[in-house]
Amino acid sequence: MARRAPENPIITPAHVAPSRADFEVVGVFNPAAIAHGDHVVLLLRVAEAPKVAPNEVAAPVWERGEIVVKRWRRDAPGLDLSDARAISIDGATWLTSISHLRVARSRDGVHFEIDDRPTFAPAHPLEAFGVEDPRLTFVAGEYIMNYTAVSDAGIATGIATSRDLRNWERRGIAFAPNNRDVTIFPEQIAGKYAALHRPMPDGIGQPAIWYATSWDLVRWGDHRFVAGRRAGAWDDLKIGGGAVPFRVDRGWLAIYHGVTREPLTYSLGALLLDEHDPSRVLARSREPILKPEAPYEMRGFFGNVVFTCGVVPSGDVVKVYYGAADGVTALAELSLADIMRGLA
């Protein structure tokens, strides 16, 4: 049984200062989470949109070292605004907001001090539409962040490393479009980095969780299918990675997201993976361990969504930091024993 923090949502757009005066924060969600000394550190996805006049729409985009704003009149011929997240015109699609990543720190895991400025922002043509949904892993003495890099070339996964969680060195694109929801294991396995990833086939095939390994964090291979959707279950439409896997007595536990069709709902479940071969699934949640039930999860920018990029386990308590309705950040505490009992 999930225990939601009474303070939920613990972080909202009102808590975050915009990066520039002509922007407003429209979402703060899907944070990476990691224990760092006596603090919990979140790396927040902060979505910002340009301020617009009533008769116009706008799209922010990174170009040649800066974020510029493209604007159109709402009555412009051929303008498609059927998706609130996007603007389509003349065969091209733009996003109505752009995301960067920002550090937040807390001693109690609930009340966070949030940096005033972005920690990691778009800085490359393959990040032109934003950097999103980070995951944090500490391996071999350094912090590894993977993040979603969005551009008109598609949705890719980038890698960056840091010693202090503030100064980041980009290592390049690890998984080419379209691929996202990557989680890197907090230990090397058989001497290699290991990760779960989610390629998104178009036509034949469905989004599913795969496994891969790497010597250097950039060149990945040994790809193996791990898990896919399940007909008639709570994850019957599609699945993808969630938080960084962590060790349990019987192997690795990976919290993932699953989507059901009717109504369209994003929930969380768990995979138990083999200790030595994490591509092998030992057990899987029969029912969601967390599903949208609270008002801030069911209503928002994109309702009926709970989505995690970071958990902080400690004994039997698993703190799940998650995005709710693609707009705010919330916290739920789950019992590890309950999660394990729900596997089959």
C-alpha atoms as a PDB file:
ATOM      1  CA  MET A   1       0.000   0.000   0.000  1.00  0.00           C
ATOM      2  CA  ALA A   2       1.556   3.288  -1.098  1.00  0.00           C
ATOM      3  CA  ARG A   3       1.724   6.094   1.457  1.00  0.00           C
ATOM      4  CA  ARG A   4       1.610   9.425  -0.332  1.00  0.00           C
ATOM      5  CA  ALA A   5       3.333  12.324   1.379  1.00  0.00           C
ATOM      6  CA  PRO A   6       0.767  14.600   3.081  1.00  0.00           C
ATOM      7  CA  GLU A   7       2.631  17.541   1.523  1.00  0.00           C
ATOM      8  CA  ASN A   8       1.966  16.286  -2.030  1.00  0.00           C
ATOM      9  CA  PRO A   9       2.600  17.612  -4.532  1.00  0.00           C
ATOM     10  CA  ILE A  10       5.938  18.407  -2.931  1.00  0.00           C
ATOM     11  CA  ILE A  11       7.168  20.570  -5.857  1.00  0.00           C
ATOM     12  CA  THR A  12       4.992  22.631  -8.205  1.00  0.00           C
ATOM     13  CA  PRO A  13       5.739  25.282 -10.853  1.00  0.00           C
ATOM     14  CA  ALA A  14       5.136  27.943  -8.193  1.00  0.00           C
ATOM     15  CA  HIS A  15       8.254  26.697  -6.347  1.00  0.00           C
ATOM     16  CA  VAL A  16      10.573  27.204  -9.335  1.00  0.00           C
ATOM     17  CA  ALA A  17      11.918  30.499 -10.673  1.00  0.00           C
ATOM     18  CA  PRO A  18      11.829  30.784 -14.485  1.00  0.00           C
ATOM     19  CA  SER A  19      15.197  30.899 -16.231  1.00  0.00           C
ATOM     20  CA  ARG A  20      14.318  34.167 -18.014  1.00  0.00           C
ATOM     21  CA  ALA A  21      11.784  36.940 -17.614  1.00  0.00           C
ATOM     22  CA  ASP A  22       9.818  36.188 -20.784  1.00  0.00           C
ATOM     23  CA  PHE A  23       9.272  32.512 -19.810  1.00  0.00           C
ATOM     24  CA  GLU A  24       6.975  30.870 -17.301  1.00  0.00           C
ATOM     25  CA  VAL A  25       7.391  27.494 -15.620  1.00  0.00           C
ATOM     26  CA  VAL A  26       4.548  25.223 -16.724  1.00  0.00           C
ATOM     27  CA  GLY A  27       5.745  21.924 -15.278  1.00  0.00           C
ATOM     28  CA  VAL A  28       8.266  20.481 -12.826  1.00  0.00           C
ATOM     29  CA  PHE A  29       8.180  16.693 -12.863  1.00  0.00           C
ATOM     30  CA  ASN A  30       9.889  13.340 -13.582  1.00  0.00           C
ATOM     31  CA  PRO A  31      12.963  14.001 -11.408  1.00  0.00           C
ATOM     32  CA  ALA A  32      16.003  11.814 -11.065  1.00  0.00           C
ATOM     33  CA  ALA A  33      16.670  11.014  -7.401  1.00  0.00           C
ATOM     34  CA  ILE A  34      19.750   9.892  -5.511  1.00  0.00           C
ATOM     35  CA  ALA A  35      21.041   9.821  -1.946  1.00  0.00           C
ATOM     36  CA  HIS A  36      24.075  12.134  -1.643  1.00  0.00           C
ATOM     37  CA  GLY A  37      25.610  12.222   1.823  1.00  0.00           C
ATOM     38  CA  ASP A  38      22.873  13.249   4.242  1.00  0.00           C
ATOM     39  CA  HIS A  39      20.768  14.776   1.476  1.00  0.00           C
ATOM     40  CA  VAL A  40      18.338  13.558  -1.126  1.00  0.00           C
ATOM     41  CA  VAL A  41      19.201  15.221  -4.424  1.00  0.00           C
ATOM     42  CA  LEU A  42      16.668  15.568  -7.207  1.00  0.00           C
ATOM     43  CA  LEU A  43      17.466  16.572 -10.746  1.00  0.00           C
ATOM     44  CA  LEU A  44      14.172  18.113 -11.798  1.00  0.00           C
ATOM     45  CA  ARG A  45      12.783  18.355 -15.288  1.00  0.00           C
ATOM     46  CA  VAL A  46      11.632  21.973 -15.543  1.00  0.00           C
ATOM     47  CA  ALA A  47       9.383  22.754 -18.513  1.00  0.00           C
ATOM     48  CA  GLU A  48       9.120  26.396 -19.528  1.00  0.00           C
ATOM     49  CA  ALA A  49       6.929  28.104 -22.116  1.00  0.00           C
ATOM     50  CA  PRO A  50       7.240  31.593 -23.612  1.00  0.00           C
ATOM     51  CA  LYS A  51       4.725  34.156 -22.493  1.00  0.00           C
ATOM     52  CA  VAL A  52       2.369  34.846 -25.399  1.00  0.00           C
ATOM     53  CA  ALA A  53      -0.327  37.298 -26.409  1.00  0.00           C
ATOM     54  CA  PRO A  54      -3.920  35.987 -26.532  1.00  0.00           C
ATOM     55  CA  ASN A  55      -3.887  35.742 -30.325  1.00  0.00           C
ATOM     56  CA  GLU A  56      -0.569  33.914 -30.755  1.00  0.00           C
ATOM     57  CA  VAL A  57       1.234  30.664 -30.070  1.00  0.00           C
ATOM     58  CA  ALA A  58       4.956  30.127 -29.638  1.00  0.00           C
ATOM     59  CA  ALA A  59       7.625  27.444 -29.628  1.00  0.00           C
ATOM     60  CA  PRO A  60      11.016  27.773 -27.880  1.00  0.00           C
ATOM     61  CA  VAL A  61      13.951  26.078 -29.593  1.00  0.00           C
ATOM     62  CA  TRP A  62      17.731  26.002 -29.122  1.00  0.00           C
ATOM     63  CA  GLU A  63      19.588  27.447 -32.111  1.00  0.00           C
ATOM     64  CA  ARG A  64      23.292  28.295 -32.395  1.00  0.00           C
ATOM     65  CA  GLY A  65      23.953  28.696 -28.705  1.00  0.00           C
ATOM     66  CA  GLU A  66      20.730  30.291 -27.498  1.00  0.00           C
ATOM     67  CA  ILE A  67      17.054  29.570 -27.064  1.00  0.00           C
ATOM     68  CA  VAL A  68      14.955  31.503 -29.553  1.00  0.00           C
ATOM     69  CA  VAL A  69      11.190  31.783 -29.677  1.00  0.00           C
ATOM     70  CA  LYS A  70       9.216  31.162 -32.856  1.00  0.00           C
ATOM     71  CA  ARG A  71       5.766  32.787 -32.902  1.00  0.00           C
ATOM     72  CA  TRP A  72       2.635  32.397 -35.033  1.00  0.00           C
ATOM     73  CA  ARG A  73      -0.800  33.948 -35.035  1.00  0.00           C
ATOM     74  CA  ARG A  74      -3.458  31.501 -33.896  1.00  0.00           C
ATOM     75  CA  ASP A  75      -5.330  32.012 -37.160  1.00  0.00           C
ATOM     76  CA  ALA A  76      -2.291  31.312 -39.361  1.00  0.00           C
ATOM     77  CA  PRO A  77      -3.266  29.077 -42.336  1.00  0.00           C
ATOM     78  CA  GLY A  78      -2.401  25.411 -41.830  1.00  0.00           C
ATOM     79  CA  LEU A  79      -1.687  25.742 -38.104  1.00  0.00           C
ATOM     80  CA  ASP A  80      -2.532  22.532 -36.176  1.00  0.00           C
ATOM     81  CA  LEU A  81      -3.017  22.985 -32.419  1.00  0.00           C
ATOM     82  CA  SER A  82      -4.906  19.755 -31.753  1.00  0.00           C
ATOM     83  CA  ASP A  83      -2.210  18.618 -29.301  1.00  0.00           C
ATOM     84  CA  ALA A  84      -1.633  21.162 -26.519  1.00  0.00           C
ATOM     85  CA  ARG A  85       2.003  20.072 -26.320  1.00  0.00           C
ATOM     86  CA  ALA A  86       2.851  20.806 -29.943  1.00  0.00           C
ATOM     87  CA  ILE A  87       2.488  23.174 -32.895  1.00  0.00           C
ATOM     88  CA  SER A  88       2.405  21.712 -36.385  1.00  0.00           C
ATOM     89  CA  ILE A  89       2.625  23.813 -39.550  1.00  0.00           C
ATOM     90  CA  ASP A  90       4.045  23.341 -43.057  1.00  0.00           C
ATOM     91  CA  GLY A  91       4.996  19.729 -42.335  1.00  0.00           C
ATOM     92  CA  ALA A  92       7.077  20.584 -39.257  1.00  0.00           C
ATOM     93  CA  THR A  93       6.285  20.093 -35.573  1.00  0.00           C
ATOM     94  CA  TRP A  94       7.494  22.248 -32.684  1.00  0.00           C
ATOM     95  CA  LEU A  95       6.961  21.914 -28.936  1.00  0.00           C
ATOM     96  CA  THR A  96       5.148  24.595 -26.938  1.00  0.00           C
ATOM     97  CA  SER A  97       7.623  24.258 -24.057  1.00  0.00           C
ATOM     98  CA  ILE A  98      11.292  23.446 -23.594  1.00  0.00           C
ATOM     99  CA  SER A  99      12.770  21.540 -20.653  1.00  0.00           C
ATOM    100  CA  HIS A 100      16.013  21.886 -18.744  1.00  0.00           C
ATOM    101  CA  LEU A 101      17.278  20.124 -15.606  1.00  0.00           C
ATOM    102  CA  ARG A 102      17.689  21.737 -12.193  1.00  0.00           C
ATOM    103  CA  VAL A 103      19.096  20.562  -8.847  1.00  0.00           C
ATOM    104  CA  ALA A 104      16.960  20.383  -5.692  1.00  0.00           C
ATOM    105  CA  ARG A 105      18.310  19.273  -2.291  1.00  0.00           C
ATOM    106  CA  SER A 106      16.611  18.117   0.916  1.00  0.00           C
ATOM    107  CA  ARG A 107      17.626  16.743   4.308  1.00  0.00           C
ATOM    108  CA  ASP A 108      14.228  15.203   5.036  1.00  0.00           C
ATOM    109  CA  GLY A 109      13.392  14.045   1.513  1.00  0.00           C
ATOM    110  CA  VAL A 110      10.206  16.137   1.443  1.00  0.00           C
ATOM    111  CA  HIS A 111      11.077  19.846   1.654  1.00  0.00           C
ATOM    112  CA  PHE A 112      13.508  20.861  -1.086  1.00  0.00           C
ATOM    113  CA  GLU A 113      15.705  23.866  -1.775  1.00  0.00           C
ATOM    114  CA  ILE A 114      15.702  24.403  -5.531  1.00  0.00           C
ATOM    115  CA  ASP A 115      18.466  26.132  -7.458  1.00  0.00           C
ATOM    116  CA  ASP A 116      17.501  29.397  -9.089  1.00  0.00           C
ATOM    117  CA  ARG A 117      19.250  28.571 -12.347  1.00  0.00           C
ATOM    118  CA  PRO A 118      19.346  25.549 -14.687  1.00  0.00           C
ATOM    119  CA  THR A 119      21.983  22.924 -13.964  1.00  0.00           C
ATOM    120  CA  PHE A 120      21.848  21.256 -17.377  1.00  0.00           C
ATOM    121  CA  ALA A 121      20.209  22.937 -20.355  1.00  0.00           C
ATOM    122  CA  PRO A 122      19.957  22.319 -24.108  1.00  0.00           C
ATOM    123  CA  ALA A 123      23.332  22.963 -25.741  1.00  0.00           C
ATOM    124  CA  HIS A 124      23.416  20.831 -28.898  1.00  0.00           C
ATOM    125  CA  PRO A 125      21.339  20.512 -32.080  1.00  0.00           C
ATOM    126  CA  LEU A 126      20.117  17.076 -30.941  1.00  0.00           C
ATOM    127  CA  GLU A 127      18.788  18.799 -27.778  1.00  0.00           C
ATOM    128  CA  ALA A 128      17.107  21.646 -29.659  1.00  0.00           C
ATOM    129  CA  PHE A 129      13.632  20.872 -28.281  1.00  0.00           C
ATOM    130  CA  GLY A 130      14.855  20.217 -24.747  1.00  0.00           C
ATOM    131  CA  VAL A 131      16.502  17.821 -22.301  1.00  0.00           C
ATOM    132  CA  GLU A 132      14.053  15.679 -20.339  1.00  0.00           C
ATOM    133  CA  ASP A 133      13.490  12.818 -17.883  1.00  0.00           C
ATOM    134  CA  PRO A 134      16.947  12.305 -16.346  1.00  0.00           C
ATOM    135  CA  ARG A 135      18.124   9.284 -14.373  1.00  0.00           C
ATOM    136  CA  LEU A 136      21.095   9.373 -11.977  1.00  0.00           C
ATOM    137  CA  THR A 137      23.465   6.520 -11.184  1.00  0.00           C
ATOM    138  CA  PHE A 138      26.673   6.468  -9.108  1.00  0.00           C
ATOM    139  CA  VAL A 139      29.138   3.994 -10.599  1.00  0.00           C
ATOM    140  CA  ALA A 140      32.910   3.643 -10.266  1.00  0.00           C
ATOM    141  CA  GLY A 141      33.331   6.927  -8.406  1.00  0.00           C
ATOM    142  CA  GLU A 142      31.326   9.209 -10.676  1.00  0.00           C
ATOM    143  CA  TYR A 143      27.740  10.261 -11.230  1.00  0.00           C
ATOM    144  CA  ILE A 144      26.286   9.184 -14.532  1.00  0.00           C
ATOM    145  CA  MET A 145      23.229  10.917 -15.902  1.00  0.00           C
ATOM    146  CA  ASN A 146      21.271   9.728 -18.873  1.00  0.00           C
ATOM    147  CA  TYR A 147      18.635  12.040 -20.277  1.00  0.00           C
ATOM    148  CA  THR A 148      16.217  12.318 -23.151  1.00  0.00           C
ATOM    149  CA  ALA A 149      17.498  14.590 -25.923  1.00  0.00           C
ATOM    150  CA  VAL A 150      14.655  15.892 -28.109  1.00  0.00           C
ATOM    151  CA  SER A 151      14.993  17.535 -31.511  1.00  0.00           C
ATOM    152  CA  ASP A 152      13.490  17.423 -34.980  1.00  0.00           C
ATOM    153  CA  ALA A 153      15.763  14.391 -35.523  1.00  0.00           C
ATOM    154  CA  GLY A 154      13.738  12.437 -32.970  1.00  0.00           C
ATOM    155  CA  ILE A 155      13.962  11.302 -29.359  1.00  0.00           C
ATOM    156  CA  ALA A 156      17.449  10.122 -28.361  1.00  0.00           C
ATOM    157  CA  THR A 157      19.285   9.339 -25.123  1.00  0.00           C
ATOM    158  CA  GLY A 158      22.337  11.327 -24.090  1.00  0.00           C
ATOM    159  CA  ILE A 159      24.923  10.584 -21.395  1.00  0.00           C
ATOM    160  CA  ALA A 160      26.755  13.035 -19.132  1.00  0.00           C
ATOM    161  CA  THR A 161      29.048  12.518 -16.135  1.00  0.00           C
ATOM    162  CA  SER A 162      29.875  14.571 -13.053  1.00  0.00           C
ATOM    163  CA  ARG A 163      31.843  14.440  -9.794  1.00  0.00           C
ATOM    164  CA  ASP A 164      29.655  16.940  -7.917  1.00  0.00           C
ATOM    165  CA  LEU A 165      26.148  16.797  -9.508  1.00  0.00           C
ATOM    166  CA  ARG A 166      26.573  20.376 -10.756  1.00  0.00           C
ATOM    167  CA  ASN A 167      29.291  20.390 -13.416  1.00  0.00           C
ATOM    168  CA  TRP A 168      28.503  17.978 -16.211  1.00  0.00           C
ATOM    169  CA  GLU A 169      30.559  16.655 -19.110  1.00  0.00           C
ATOM    170  CA  ARG A 170      28.559  15.466 -22.093  1.00  0.00           C
ATOM    171  CA  ARG A 171      29.665  12.054 -23.338  1.00  0.00           C
ATOM    172  CA  GLY A 172      27.479  12.001 -26.440  1.00  0.00           C
ATOM    173  CA  ILE A 173      24.378  10.204 -27.684  1.00  0.00           C
ATOM    174  CA  ALA A 174      24.262   6.641 -26.384  1.00  0.00           C
ATOM    175  CA  PHE A 175      20.989   5.467 -27.952  1.00  0.00           C
ATOM    176  CA  ALA A 176      19.864   6.943 -31.280  1.00  0.00           C
ATOM    177  CA  PRO A 177      16.238   7.923 -32.042  1.00  0.00           C
ATOM    178  CA  ASN A 178      13.780   6.784 -31.151  1.00  0.00           C
ATOM    179  CA  ASN A 179      14.906   5.451 -27.787  1.00  0.00           C
ATOM    180  CA  ARG A 180      14.268   6.639 -24.242  1.00  0.00           C
ATOM    181  CA  ASP A 181      13.557   5.532 -20.632  1.00  0.00           C
ATOM    182  CA  VAL A 182      17.143   4.399 -20.104  1.00  0.00           C
ATOM    183  CA  THR A 183      18.280   3.321 -16.630  1.00  0.00           C
ATOM    184  CA  ILE A 184      21.927   2.502 -15.900  1.00  0.00           C
ATOM    185  CA  PHE A 185      22.665  -0.093 -13.204  1.00  0.00           C
ATOM    186  CA  PRO A 186      24.571   1.208 -10.148  1.00  0.00           C
ATOM    187  CA  GLU A 187      27.187  -1.551 -10.488  1.00  0.00           C
ATOM    188  CA  GLN A 188      29.156  -2.891 -13.391  1.00  0.00           C
ATOM    189  CA  ILE A 189      28.055  -6.391 -14.360  1.00  0.00           C
ATOM    190  CA  ALA A 190      30.728  -8.773 -15.639  1.00  0.00           C
ATOM    191  CA  GLY A 191      33.064  -5.789 -15.891  1.00  0.00           C
ATOM    192  CA  LYS A 192      30.750  -3.696 -18.078  1.00  0.00           C
ATOM    193  CA  TYR A 193      28.247  -0.904 -17.614  1.00  0.00           C
ATOM    194  CA  ALA A 194      24.723  -2.237 -17.968  1.00  0.00           C
ATOM    195  CA  ALA A 195      21.461  -0.495 -18.822  1.00  0.00           C
ATOM    196  CA  LEU A 196      17.811  -1.005 -19.574  1.00  0.00           C
ATOM    197  CA  HIS A 197      16.492   0.948 -22.557  1.00  0.00           C
ATOM    198  CA  ARG A 198      13.282   1.310 -24.525  1.00  0.00           C
ATOM    199  CA  PRO A 199      13.471   1.415 -28.339  1.00  0.00           C
ATOM    200  CA  MET A 200      10.254   2.597 -29.968  1.00  0.00           C
ATOM    201  CA  PRO A 201       9.606   0.726 -33.237  1.00  0.00           C
ATOM    202  CA  ASP A 202       7.248   2.142 -35.825  1.00  0.00           C
ATOM    203  CA  GLY A 203       5.150  -0.390 -37.714  1.00  0.00           C
ATOM    204  CA  ILE A 204       6.283  -3.861 -36.709  1.00  0.00           C
ATOM    205  CA  GLY A 205       6.866  -4.323 -32.975  1.00  0.00           C
ATOM    206  CA  GLN A 206       5.886  -2.494 -29.800  1.00  0.00           C
ATOM    207  CA  PRO A 207       7.791  -0.374 -27.253  1.00  0.00           C
ATOM    208  CA  ALA A 208       9.466  -2.791 -24.836  1.00  0.00           C
ATOM    209  CA  ILE A 209      12.279  -2.900 -22.291  1.00  0.00           C
ATOM    210  CA  TRP A 210      15.646  -4.135 -23.566  1.00  0.00           C
ATOM    211  CA  TYR A 211      19.040  -4.729 -21.919  1.00  0.00           C
ATOM    212  CA  ALA A 212      22.449  -3.584 -23.192  1.00  0.00           C
ATOM    213  CA  THR A 213      26.056  -3.361 -22.018  1.00  0.00           C
ATOM    214  CA  SER A 214      28.965  -1.011 -22.671  1.00  0.00           C
ATOM    215  CA  TRP A 215      32.659  -0.605 -21.907  1.00  0.00           C
ATOM    216  CA  ASP A 216      32.607   3.198 -22.132  1.00  0.00           C
ATOM    217  CA  LEU A 217      28.988   4.435 -21.605  1.00  0.00           C
ATOM    218  CA  VAL A 218      28.690   5.580 -25.235  1.00  0.00           C
ATOM    219  CA  ARG A 219      28.970   2.472 -27.425  1.00  0.00           C
ATOM    220  CA  TRP A 220      26.312  -0.023 -26.373  1.00  0.00           C
ATOM    221  CA  GLY A 221      25.762  -3.573 -27.588  1.00  0.00           C
ATOM    222  CA  ASP A 222      24.764  -7.100 -26.533  1.00  0.00           C
ATOM    223  CA  HIS A 223      21.132  -5.986 -26.824  1.00  0.00           C
ATOM    224  CA  ARG A 224      18.576  -8.402 -25.381  1.00  0.00           C
ATOM    225  CA  PHE A 225      14.802  -8.238 -25.050  1.00  0.00           C
ATOM    226  CA  VAL A 226      13.687  -8.086 -21.399  1.00  0.00           C
ATOM    227  CA  ALA A 227       9.925  -7.484 -21.162  1.00  0.00           C
ATOM    228  CA  GLY A 228       6.978  -6.260 -23.195  1.00  0.00           C
ATOM    229  CA  ARG A 229       3.341  -5.392 -22.715  1.00  0.00           C
ATOM    230  CA  ARG A 230       0.877  -7.979 -21.359  1.00  0.00           C
ATOM    231  CA  ALA A 231      -2.545  -8.465 -22.921  1.00  0.00           C
ATOM    232  CA  GLY A 232      -5.380  -8.002 -20.459  1.00  0.00           C
ATOM    233  CA  ALA A 233      -3.127  -6.624 -17.725  1.00  0.00           C
ATOM    234  CA  TRP A 234      -2.563  -3.141 -16.312  1.00  0.00           C
ATOM    235  CA  ASP A 235       0.351  -2.701 -18.762  1.00  0.00           C
ATOM    236  CA  ASP A 236      -1.411  -3.899 -21.915  1.00  0.00           C
ATOM    237  CA  LEU A 237      -0.609  -0.930 -24.196  1.00  0.00           C
ATOM    238  CA  LYS A 238       3.098  -0.310 -23.649  1.00  0.00           C
ATOM    239  CA  ILE A 239       5.824  -0.345 -21.005  1.00  0.00           C
ATOM    240  CA  GLY A 240       9.112   1.437 -20.397  1.00  0.00           C
ATOM    241  CA  GLY A 241      11.837   1.951 -17.826  1.00  0.00           C
ATOM    242  CA  GLY A 242      11.383   4.015 -14.707  1.00  0.00           C
ATOM    243  CA  ALA A 243      13.882   4.321 -11.869  1.00  0.00           C
ATOM    244  CA  VAL A 244      17.452   3.037 -11.646  1.00  0.00           C
ATOM    245  CA  PRO A 245      17.385  -0.643 -10.576  1.00  0.00           C
ATOM    246  CA  PHE A 246      18.570  -1.452  -7.068  1.00  0.00           C
ATOM    247  CA  ARG A 247      19.744  -4.625  -5.344  1.00  0.00           C
ATOM    248  CA  VAL A 248      17.403  -6.843  -3.346  1.00  0.00           C
ATOM    249  CA  ASP A 249      17.997 -10.279  -1.810  1.00  0.00           C
ATOM    250  CA  ARG A 250      16.882 -12.119  -4.931  1.00  0.00           C
ATOM    251  CA  GLY A 251      18.471  -9.941  -7.634  1.00  0.00           C
ATOM    252  CA  TRP A 252      17.744  -6.483  -9.055  1.00  0.00           C
ATOM    253  CA  LEU A 253      14.459  -4.658  -8.627  1.00  0.00           C
ATOM    254  CA  ALA A 254      13.512  -2.267 -11.437  1.00  0.00           C
ATOM    255  CA  ILE A 255      10.509   0.022 -11.028  1.00  0.00           C
ATOM    256  CA  TYR A 256       8.974   0.540 -14.476  1.00  0.00           C
ATOM    257  CA  HIS A 257       5.934   2.244 -15.975  1.00  0.00           C
ATOM    258  CA  GLY A 258       3.088   0.537 -17.772  1.00  0.00           C
ATOM    259  CA  VAL A 259       0.225   2.017 -19.764  1.00  0.00           C
ATOM    260  CA  THR A 260      -3.282   0.638 -20.065  1.00  0.00           C
ATOM    261  CA  ARG A 261      -5.733   1.493 -22.837  1.00  0.00           C
ATOM    262  CA  GLU A 262      -9.106   2.202 -21.265  1.00  0.00           C
ATOM    263  CA  PRO A 263      -8.866   4.775 -19.916  1.00  0.00           C
ATOM    264  CA  LEU A 264      -5.324   5.738 -20.950  1.00  0.00           C
ATOM    265  CA  THR A 265      -3.440   5.444 -17.646  1.00  0.00           C
ATOM    266  CA  TYR A 266       0.237   5.431 -16.655  1.00  0.00           C
ATOM    267  CA  SER A 267       0.988   3.315 -13.559  1.00  0.00           C
ATOM    268  CA  LEU A 268       4.081   1.840 -11.900  1.00  0.00           C
ATOM    269  CA  GLY A 269       5.093  -1.758 -11.337  1.00  0.00           C
ATOM    270  CA  ALA A 270       8.251  -3.762 -10.661  1.00  0.00           C
ATOM    271  CA  LEU A 271      10.464  -6.290 -12.420  1.00  0.00           C
ATOM    272  CA  LEU A 272      12.686  -8.676 -10.484  1.00  0.00           C
ATOM    273  CA  LEU A 273      15.779  -9.335 -12.603  1.00  0.00           C
ATOM    274  CA  ASP A 274      18.478 -11.968 -12.270  1.00  0.00           C
ATOM    275  CA  GLU A 275      21.541 -10.790 -10.333  1.00  0.00           C
ATOM    276  CA  HIS A 276      24.086 -12.008 -12.891  1.00  0.00           C
ATOM    277  CA  ASP A 277      21.995 -11.714 -16.063  1.00  0.00           C
ATOM    278  CA  PRO A 278      19.573  -8.778 -15.653  1.00  0.00           C
ATOM    279  CA  SER A 279      18.050  -9.474 -19.055  1.00  0.00           C
ATOM    280  CA  ARG A 280      16.293 -12.428 -17.397  1.00  0.00           C
ATOM    281  CA  VAL A 281      13.010 -11.602 -15.637  1.00  0.00           C
ATOM    282  CA  LEU A 282      12.407 -13.670 -12.505  1.00  0.00           C
ATOM    283  CA  ALA A 283       9.080 -12.109 -11.522  1.00  0.00           C
ATOM    284  CA  ARG A 284       6.817  -9.158 -12.302  1.00  0.00           C
ATOM    285  CA  SER A 285       4.109  -7.138 -10.540  1.00  0.00           C
ATOM    286  CA  ARG A 286       0.667  -8.672 -10.900  1.00  0.00           C
ATOM    287  CA  GLU A 287      -0.946  -5.287 -10.168  1.00  0.00           C
ATOM    288  CA  PRO A 288       0.404  -1.738 -10.111  1.00  0.00           C
ATOM    289  CA  ILE A 289       2.397  -0.707  -7.051  1.00  0.00           C
ATOM    290  CA  LEU A 290       1.311   2.900  -7.662  1.00  0.00           C
ATOM    291  CA  LYS A 291      -1.482   4.122  -9.917  1.00  0.00           C
ATOM    292  CA  PRO A 292      -3.223   7.484 -10.394  1.00  0.00           C
ATOM    293  CA  GLU A 293      -5.737   8.053  -7.599  1.00  0.00           C
ATOM    294  CA  ALA A 294      -5.068  11.501  -6.099  1.00  0.00           C
ATOM    295  CA  PRO A 295      -6.524  14.622  -7.771  1.00  0.00           C
ATOM    296  CA  TYR A 296      -3.057  15.953  -8.724  1.00  0.00           C
ATOM    297  CA  GLU A 297      -2.362  12.628 -10.508  1.00  0.00           C
ATOM    298  CA  MET A 298      -5.682  12.374 -12.320  1.00  0.00           C
ATOM    299  CA  ARG A 299      -5.997  15.966 -13.462  1.00  0.00           C
ATOM    300  CA  GLY A 300      -3.309  18.228 -14.891  1.00  0.00           C
ATOM    301  CA  PHE A 301      -1.406  18.888 -18.077  1.00  0.00           C
ATOM    302  CA  PHE A 302      -1.696  15.191 -19.013  1.00  0.00           C
ATOM    303  CA  GLY A 303      -4.006  13.416 -16.586  1.00  0.00           C
ATOM    304  CA  ASN A 304      -4.026   9.861 -15.233  1.00  0.00           C
ATOM    305  CA  VAL A 305      -0.230   9.712 -15.014  1.00  0.00           C
ATOM    306  CA  VAL A 306       2.263   8.633 -12.363  1.00  0.00           C
ATOM    307  CA  PHE A 307       5.763   8.344 -13.825  1.00  0.00           C
ATOM    308  CA  THR A 308       9.050   7.877 -11.972  1.00  0.00           C
ATOM    309  CA  CYS A 309      12.671   8.466 -12.928  1.00  0.00           C
ATOM    310  CA  GLY A 310      14.080   8.067  -9.418  1.00  0.00           C
ATOM    311  CA  VAL A 311      13.676   6.113  -6.191  1.00  0.00           C
ATOM    312  CA  VAL A 312      15.663   6.170  -2.954  1.00  0.00           C
ATOM    313  CA  PRO A 313      15.516   2.778  -1.180  1.00  0.00           C
ATOM    314  CA  SER A 314      16.406   2.411   2.500  1.00  0.00           C
ATOM    315  CA  GLY A 315      15.679  -0.862   4.248  1.00  0.00           C
ATOM    316  CA  ASP A 316      12.035  -1.734   3.748  1.00  0.00           C
ATOM    317  CA  VAL A 317      11.116   1.809   2.651  1.00  0.00           C
ATOM    318  CA  VAL A 318      11.291   2.731  -1.031  1.00  0.00           C
ATOM    319  CA  LYS A 319      10.829   6.464  -1.586  1.00  0.00           C
ATOM    320  CA  VAL A 320       9.387   6.958  -5.048  1.00  0.00           C
ATOM    321  CA  TYR A 321       9.727  10.458  -6.509  1.00  0.00           C
ATOM    322  CA  TYR A 322       7.388  10.777  -9.434  1.00  0.00           C
ATOM    323  CA  GLY A 323       5.812  13.123 -11.910  1.00  0.00           C
ATOM    324  CA  ALA A 324       2.053  13.477 -11.551  1.00  0.00           C
ATOM    325  CA  ALA A 325      -0.088  14.409 -14.567  1.00  0.00           C
ATOM    326  CA  ASP A 326       3.040  15.763 -16.319  1.00  0.00           C
ATOM    327  CA  GLY A 327       2.915  18.875 -14.178  1.00  0.00           C
ATOM    328  CA  VAL A 328       4.119  18.432 -10.593  1.00  0.00           C
ATOM    329  CA  THR A 329       6.438  16.284  -8.472  1.00  0.00           C
ATOM    330  CA  ALA A 330       5.097  14.019  -5.733  1.00  0.00           C
ATOM    331  CA  LEU A 331       6.448  11.479  -3.260  1.00  0.00           C
ATOM    332  CA  ALA A 332       5.141   8.100  -2.191  1.00  0.00           C
ATOM    333  CA  GLU A 333       6.675   5.623   0.249  1.00  0.00           C
ATOM    334  CA  LEU A 334       6.268   1.944  -0.558  1.00  0.00           C
ATOM    335  CA  SER A 335       7.142  -1.139   1.452  1.00  0.00           C
ATOM    336  CA  LEU A 336       9.770  -3.279  -0.262  1.00  0.00           C
ATOM    337  CA  ALA A 337       8.224  -6.354   1.338  1.00  0.00           C
ATOM    338  CA  ASP A 338       4.831  -5.444  -0.144  1.00  0.00           C
ATOM    339  CA  ILE A 339       6.375  -4.934  -3.585  1.00  0.00           C
ATOM    340  CA  MET A 340       8.064  -8.343  -3.407  1.00  0.00           C
ATOM    341  CA  ARG A 341       4.857 -10.067  -2.274  1.00  0.00           C
ATOM    342  CA  GLY A 342       3.072  -8.607  -5.295  1.00  0.00           C
ATOM    343  CA  LEU A 343       5.434 -10.275  -7.782  1.00  0.00           C
ATOM    344  CA  ALA A 344       4.576 -13.393  -9.714  1.00  0.00           C
END
